[in-house]
Amino acid sequence: MINLDHGRPASGASPATNITHRDEQSACLTRCTAQVRRPNNAVVRLPGRRFPGLLIQGDSLSILRGDVAEVVEAFDQGDVDAARETAGLLLADIDALLTRYSAALDAHKIARPY
């Protein structure tokens, strides 16, 4: 997990990837370097936040959005089976993200916010 409160990786993480955080109120950038084992997402705690969040790369977010649009389109066309199939795949992808998030919280002994 990356902890931006300190501008450095959480304990035990080795340098590998640069991450920049922009504080919208002060337009301040915080850079940190952390080992990110999966290149498309990372668990990050932003300054002032009690719980970490999940950072998802823009292309991965666009893919998730496309999957949701595919479900909506299938429903609009009355193809409930296709909608259900795509929704099932989307649910599996989101479950994998939630599992990664939960594992990071467990590794740092942080209670889940849900």
N, C-alpha and C. Protein backbone atom coordinates (compact mmCIF):
# COMPACT_ATOMS: atom_id res chain seq x y z
N MET A 1 0.84 -1.18 0.00
CA MET A 1 0.00 0.00 0.00
C MET A 1 0.89 1.23 0.00
N ILE A 2 0.47 2.25 -0.70
CA ILE A 2 1.18 3.51 -0.76
C ILE A 2 0.49 4.47 0.20
N ASN A 3 1.29 5.11 1.04
CA ASN A 3 0.74 6.04 2.02
C ASN A 3 1.23 7.43 1.66
N LEU A 4 0.37 8.24 1.06
CA LEU A 4 0.78 9.57 0.62
C LEU A 4 0.85 10.57 1.76
N ASP A 5 0.40 10.19 2.96
CA ASP A 5 0.53 11.08 4.11
C ASP A 5 1.99 11.37 4.40
N HIS A 6 2.85 10.42 4.09
CA HIS A 6 4.27 10.55 4.39
C HIS A 6 5.10 10.78 3.13
N GLY A 7 4.44 10.75 1.95
CA GLY A 7 5.15 10.95 0.70
C GLY A 7 6.12 9.84 0.37
N ARG A 8 5.88 8.67 0.93
CA ARG A 8 6.76 7.53 0.67
C ARG A 8 5.94 6.25 0.78
N PRO A 9 6.50 5.12 0.31
CA PRO A 9 5.76 3.88 0.40
C PRO A 9 5.47 3.50 1.84
N ALA A 10 4.40 2.75 2.03
CA ALA A 10 4.13 2.19 3.35
C ALA A 10 5.27 1.26 3.72
N SER A 11 5.45 1.02 4.99
CA SER A 11 6.59 0.22 5.45
C SER A 11 6.66 -1.11 4.71
N GLY A 12 7.87 -1.48 4.34
CA GLY A 12 8.10 -2.76 3.69
C GLY A 12 8.06 -2.70 2.17
N ALA A 13 7.58 -1.62 1.59
CA ALA A 13 7.52 -1.53 0.14
C ALA A 13 8.84 -0.98 -0.39
N SER A 14 9.31 -1.56 -1.47
CA SER A 14 10.56 -1.09 -2.06
C SER A 14 10.27 -0.19 -3.26
N PRO A 15 11.16 0.77 -3.55
CA PRO A 15 10.91 1.69 -4.66
C PRO A 15 10.80 0.97 -6.00
N ALA A 16 9.86 1.41 -6.83
CA ALA A 16 9.74 0.87 -8.17
C ALA A 16 8.96 1.80 -9.08
N THR A 17 7.88 2.39 -8.63
CA THR A 17 6.99 3.16 -9.48
C THR A 17 6.73 4.53 -8.87
N ASN A 18 6.82 5.58 -9.67
CA ASN A 18 6.50 6.93 -9.19
C ASN A 18 5.00 7.16 -9.29
N ILE A 19 4.43 7.76 -8.26
CA ILE A 19 3.01 8.10 -8.23
C ILE A 19 2.91 9.54 -7.78
N THR A 20 2.09 10.32 -8.45
CA THR A 20 1.91 11.73 -8.10
C THR A 20 0.49 11.95 -7.63
N HIS A 21 0.33 12.71 -6.55
CA HIS A 21 -0.99 13.07 -6.01
C HIS A 21 -1.13 14.57 -6.09
N ARG A 22 -2.24 15.05 -6.61
CA ARG A 22 -2.50 16.49 -6.68
C ARG A 22 -3.59 16.82 -5.69
N ASP A 23 -3.29 17.67 -4.76
CA ASP A 23 -4.25 18.14 -3.77
C ASP A 23 -5.07 19.25 -4.43
N GLU A 24 -6.37 19.01 -4.64
CA GLU A 24 -7.22 19.95 -5.35
C GLU A 24 -7.33 21.30 -4.64
N GLN A 25 -7.25 21.33 -3.32
CA GLN A 25 -7.41 22.59 -2.60
C GLN A 25 -6.18 23.47 -2.71
N SER A 26 -5.01 22.89 -2.66
CA SER A 26 -3.80 23.70 -2.69
C SER A 26 -3.03 23.57 -4.00
N ALA A 27 -3.52 22.72 -4.90
CA ALA A 27 -2.85 22.45 -6.18
C ALA A 27 -1.42 21.96 -5.95
N CYS A 28 -1.20 21.32 -4.84
CA CYS A 28 0.11 20.79 -4.47
C CYS A 28 0.26 19.37 -5.01
N LEU A 29 1.42 19.05 -5.51
CA LEU A 29 1.70 17.69 -5.97
C LEU A 29 2.54 16.97 -4.95
N THR A 30 2.18 15.74 -4.65
CA THR A 30 2.97 14.89 -3.77
C THR A 30 3.44 13.71 -4.60
N ARG A 31 4.72 13.48 -4.62
CA ARG A 31 5.25 12.33 -5.35
C ARG A 31 5.71 11.28 -4.36
N CYS A 32 5.46 10.05 -4.71
CA CYS A 32 5.98 8.96 -3.90
C CYS A 32 6.39 7.84 -4.83
N THR A 33 7.25 7.01 -4.36
CA THR A 33 7.71 5.86 -5.10
C THR A 33 7.35 4.63 -4.30
N ALA A 34 6.81 3.64 -4.98
CA ALA A 34 6.39 2.43 -4.28
C ALA A 34 6.45 1.24 -5.21
N GLN A 35 6.57 0.09 -4.61
CA GLN A 35 6.52 -1.14 -5.38
C GLN A 35 5.06 -1.43 -5.69
N VAL A 36 4.74 -1.50 -6.95
CA VAL A 36 3.38 -1.81 -7.39
C VAL A 36 3.45 -3.10 -8.17
N ARG A 37 2.94 -4.16 -7.58
CA ARG A 37 3.06 -5.48 -8.20
C ARG A 37 2.12 -5.64 -9.40
N ARG A 38 1.00 -4.92 -9.39
CA ARG A 38 0.07 -4.97 -10.51
C ARG A 38 0.07 -3.59 -11.16
N PRO A 39 0.43 -3.51 -12.42
CA PRO A 39 0.62 -2.21 -13.04
C PRO A 39 -0.66 -1.41 -13.28
N ASN A 40 -1.84 -2.02 -13.20
CA ASN A 40 -3.07 -1.31 -13.53
C ASN A 40 -3.83 -0.76 -12.33
N ASN A 41 -3.38 -1.08 -11.11
CA ASN A 41 -4.06 -0.53 -9.93
C ASN A 41 -3.14 -0.61 -8.73
N ALA A 42 -3.45 0.22 -7.73
CA ALA A 42 -2.67 0.24 -6.49
C ALA A 42 -3.57 0.71 -5.36
N VAL A 43 -3.30 0.23 -4.17
CA VAL A 43 -4.01 0.69 -2.98
C VAL A 43 -3.22 1.86 -2.42
N VAL A 44 -3.90 3.02 -2.27
CA VAL A 44 -3.25 4.27 -1.91
C VAL A 44 -4.04 4.96 -0.81
N ARG A 45 -3.34 5.51 0.18
CA ARG A 45 -4.01 6.34 1.19
C ARG A 45 -3.63 7.79 0.92
N LEU A 46 -4.63 8.60 0.61
CA LEU A 46 -4.42 10.02 0.34
C LEU A 46 -4.36 10.80 1.64
N PRO A 47 -3.67 11.94 1.63
CA PRO A 47 -3.59 12.77 2.83
C PRO A 47 -4.99 13.15 3.33
N GLY A 48 -5.16 13.05 4.64
CA GLY A 48 -6.42 13.44 5.25
C GLY A 48 -7.50 12.38 5.21
N ARG A 49 -7.22 11.25 4.61
CA ARG A 49 -8.21 10.18 4.52
C ARG A 49 -7.89 9.10 5.54
N ARG A 50 -8.91 8.60 6.21
CA ARG A 50 -8.70 7.54 7.20
C ARG A 50 -8.41 6.21 6.52
N PHE A 51 -9.12 5.94 5.43
CA PHE A 51 -8.96 4.66 4.75
C PHE A 51 -8.32 4.86 3.38
N PRO A 52 -7.54 3.86 2.95
CA PRO A 52 -6.96 3.91 1.61
C PRO A 52 -8.06 3.78 0.55
N GLY A 53 -7.69 4.09 -0.66
CA GLY A 53 -8.56 3.89 -1.81
C GLY A 53 -7.84 3.03 -2.83
N LEU A 54 -8.52 2.74 -3.90
CA LEU A 54 -7.93 1.94 -4.96
C LEU A 54 -7.72 2.85 -6.17
N LEU A 55 -6.48 3.01 -6.56
CA LEU A 55 -6.13 3.80 -7.73
C LEU A 55 -6.20 2.87 -8.94
N ILE A 56 -6.99 3.25 -9.93
CA ILE A 56 -7.14 2.45 -11.14
C ILE A 56 -6.65 3.30 -12.32
N GLN A 57 -5.82 2.73 -13.16
CA GLN A 57 -5.33 3.43 -14.34
C GLN A 57 -6.50 3.80 -15.24
N GLY A 58 -6.37 4.91 -15.96
CA GLY A 58 -7.44 5.41 -16.81
C GLY A 58 -7.90 4.42 -17.86
N ASP A 59 -6.97 3.69 -18.47
CA ASP A 59 -7.38 2.73 -19.50
C ASP A 59 -8.18 1.59 -18.88
N SER A 60 -7.81 1.17 -17.68
CA SER A 60 -8.57 0.12 -16.99
C SER A 60 -9.95 0.62 -16.59
N LEU A 61 -10.04 1.87 -16.16
CA LEU A 61 -11.33 2.47 -15.82
C LEU A 61 -12.21 2.56 -17.06
N SER A 62 -11.62 2.91 -18.18
CA SER A 62 -12.36 2.99 -19.43
C SER A 62 -12.91 1.62 -19.84
N ILE A 63 -12.14 0.57 -19.61
CA ILE A 63 -12.60 -0.79 -19.91
C ILE A 63 -13.78 -1.16 -19.03
N LEU A 64 -13.70 -0.84 -17.72
CA LEU A 64 -14.83 -1.11 -16.82
C LEU A 64 -16.07 -0.35 -17.29
N ARG A 65 -15.90 0.90 -17.67
CA ARG A 65 -17.02 1.70 -18.17
C ARG A 65 -17.62 1.08 -19.43
N GLY A 66 -16.77 0.60 -20.31
CA GLY A 66 -17.24 -0.06 -21.53
C GLY A 66 -18.03 -1.32 -21.23
N ASP A 67 -17.59 -2.07 -20.22
CA ASP A 67 -18.33 -3.27 -19.82
C ASP A 67 -19.72 -2.93 -19.29
N VAL A 68 -19.82 -1.86 -18.50
CA VAL A 68 -21.12 -1.42 -17.99
C VAL A 68 -22.01 -0.98 -19.16
N ALA A 69 -21.44 -0.24 -20.10
CA ALA A 69 -22.19 0.21 -21.28
C ALA A 69 -22.70 -0.99 -22.08
N GLU A 70 -21.90 -2.05 -22.15
CA GLU A 70 -22.30 -3.26 -22.85
C GLU A 70 -23.50 -3.92 -22.18
N VAL A 71 -23.52 -3.93 -20.85
CA VAL A 71 -24.67 -4.48 -20.11
C VAL A 71 -25.92 -3.66 -20.42
N VAL A 72 -25.80 -2.33 -20.36
CA VAL A 72 -26.94 -1.45 -20.63
C VAL A 72 -27.45 -1.66 -22.06
N GLU A 73 -26.54 -1.73 -23.00
CA GLU A 73 -26.93 -1.92 -24.40
C GLU A 73 -27.65 -3.25 -24.59
N ALA A 74 -27.14 -4.31 -23.97
CA ALA A 74 -27.79 -5.62 -24.08
C ALA A 74 -29.20 -5.57 -23.50
N PHE A 75 -29.38 -4.91 -22.36
CA PHE A 75 -30.72 -4.76 -21.79
C PHE A 75 -31.62 -3.95 -22.72
N ASP A 76 -31.08 -2.86 -23.28
CA ASP A 76 -31.86 -2.03 -24.20
C ASP A 76 -32.35 -2.82 -25.41
N GLN A 77 -31.54 -3.78 -25.84
CA GLN A 77 -31.90 -4.61 -26.99
C GLN A 77 -32.72 -5.83 -26.59
N GLY A 78 -33.01 -5.95 -25.30
CA GLY A 78 -33.81 -7.08 -24.82
C GLY A 78 -33.05 -8.38 -24.71
N ASP A 79 -31.73 -8.32 -24.80
CA ASP A 79 -30.90 -9.54 -24.72
C ASP A 79 -30.45 -9.74 -23.28
N VAL A 80 -31.36 -10.27 -22.48
CA VAL A 80 -31.10 -10.45 -21.05
C VAL A 80 -29.95 -11.43 -20.81
N ASP A 81 -29.85 -12.47 -21.64
CA ASP A 81 -28.77 -13.45 -21.45
C ASP A 81 -27.39 -12.81 -21.65
N ALA A 82 -27.25 -12.00 -22.69
CA ALA A 82 -25.96 -11.32 -22.94
C ALA A 82 -25.67 -10.33 -21.82
N ALA A 83 -26.70 -9.62 -21.37
CA ALA A 83 -26.51 -8.66 -20.27
C ALA A 83 -26.06 -9.38 -19.01
N ARG A 84 -26.70 -10.50 -18.72
CA ARG A 84 -26.34 -11.27 -17.52
C ARG A 84 -24.91 -11.80 -17.62
N GLU A 85 -24.52 -12.27 -18.80
CA GLU A 85 -23.16 -12.80 -18.98
C GLU A 85 -22.11 -11.70 -18.79
N THR A 86 -22.33 -10.56 -19.43
CA THR A 86 -21.38 -9.45 -19.29
C THR A 86 -21.35 -8.93 -17.87
N ALA A 87 -22.53 -8.84 -17.24
CA ALA A 87 -22.59 -8.38 -15.84
C ALA A 87 -21.84 -9.34 -14.93
N GLY A 88 -21.91 -10.64 -15.21
CA GLY A 88 -21.18 -11.62 -14.41
C GLY A 88 -19.68 -11.45 -14.53
N LEU A 89 -19.21 -11.17 -15.75
CA LEU A 89 -17.77 -10.92 -15.95
C LEU A 89 -17.34 -9.64 -15.26
N LEU A 90 -18.18 -8.61 -15.35
CA LEU A 90 -17.91 -7.34 -14.68
C LEU A 90 -17.85 -7.53 -13.17
N LEU A 91 -18.78 -8.30 -12.63
CA LEU A 91 -18.79 -8.58 -11.19
C LEU A 91 -17.51 -9.30 -10.77
N ALA A 92 -17.04 -10.25 -11.58
CA ALA A 92 -15.80 -10.96 -11.26
C ALA A 92 -14.61 -10.00 -11.25
N ASP A 93 -14.57 -9.07 -12.21
CA ASP A 93 -13.48 -8.08 -12.24
C ASP A 93 -13.51 -7.19 -11.00
N ILE A 94 -14.70 -6.74 -10.61
CA ILE A 94 -14.82 -5.88 -9.43
C ILE A 94 -14.51 -6.66 -8.16
N ASP A 95 -14.92 -7.93 -8.11
CA ASP A 95 -14.58 -8.77 -6.95
C ASP A 95 -13.07 -8.92 -6.81
N ALA A 96 -12.35 -9.04 -7.94
CA ALA A 96 -10.89 -9.16 -7.90
C ALA A 96 -10.27 -7.87 -7.34
N LEU A 97 -10.80 -6.72 -7.74
CA LEU A 97 -10.30 -5.45 -7.20
C LEU A 97 -10.57 -5.35 -5.70
N LEU A 98 -11.76 -5.76 -5.28
CA LEU A 98 -12.12 -5.71 -3.87
C LEU A 98 -11.25 -6.68 -3.05
N THR A 99 -10.95 -7.83 -3.61
CA THR A 99 -10.07 -8.80 -2.94
C THR A 99 -8.67 -8.20 -2.77
N ARG A 100 -8.16 -7.54 -3.80
CA ARG A 100 -6.84 -6.90 -3.71
C ARG A 100 -6.85 -5.80 -2.65
N TYR A 101 -7.90 -5.00 -2.63
CA TYR A 101 -8.04 -3.93 -1.64
C TYR A 101 -8.08 -4.52 -0.23
N SER A 102 -8.90 -5.54 -0.03
CA SER A 102 -9.03 -6.17 1.29
C SER A 102 -7.71 -6.78 1.75
N ALA A 103 -6.99 -7.40 0.83
CA ALA A 103 -5.70 -8.01 1.18
C ALA A 103 -4.70 -6.94 1.62
N ALA A 104 -4.69 -5.79 0.94
CA ALA A 104 -3.79 -4.70 1.33
C ALA A 104 -4.15 -4.17 2.71
N LEU A 105 -5.44 -4.01 2.99
CA LEU A 105 -5.85 -3.55 4.31
C LEU A 105 -5.47 -4.57 5.38
N ASP A 106 -5.70 -5.85 5.10
CA ASP A 106 -5.33 -6.90 6.05
C ASP A 106 -3.83 -6.90 6.32
N ALA A 107 -3.03 -6.72 5.27
CA ALA A 107 -1.57 -6.74 5.42
C ALA A 107 -1.08 -5.60 6.31
N HIS A 108 -1.83 -4.51 6.37
CA HIS A 108 -1.44 -3.35 7.17
C HIS A 108 -2.31 -3.19 8.42
N LYS A 109 -3.07 -4.25 8.71
CA LYS A 109 -3.92 -4.28 9.91
C LYS A 109 -4.86 -3.06 9.99
N ILE A 110 -5.49 -2.77 8.86
CA ILE A 110 -6.46 -1.68 8.79
C ILE A 110 -7.85 -2.30 8.66
N ALA A 111 -8.76 -1.89 9.53
CA ALA A 111 -10.13 -2.40 9.46
C ALA A 111 -10.78 -1.95 8.15
N ARG A 112 -11.64 -2.78 7.62
CA ARG A 112 -12.35 -2.41 6.39
C ARG A 112 -13.41 -1.35 6.67
N PRO A 113 -13.60 -0.41 5.76
CA PRO A 113 -14.59 0.66 5.96
C PRO A 113 -16.01 0.23 5.60
N TYR A 114 -16.21 -1.05 5.33
CA TYR A 114 -17.54 -1.53 4.94
C TYR A 114 -17.88 -2.79 5.70
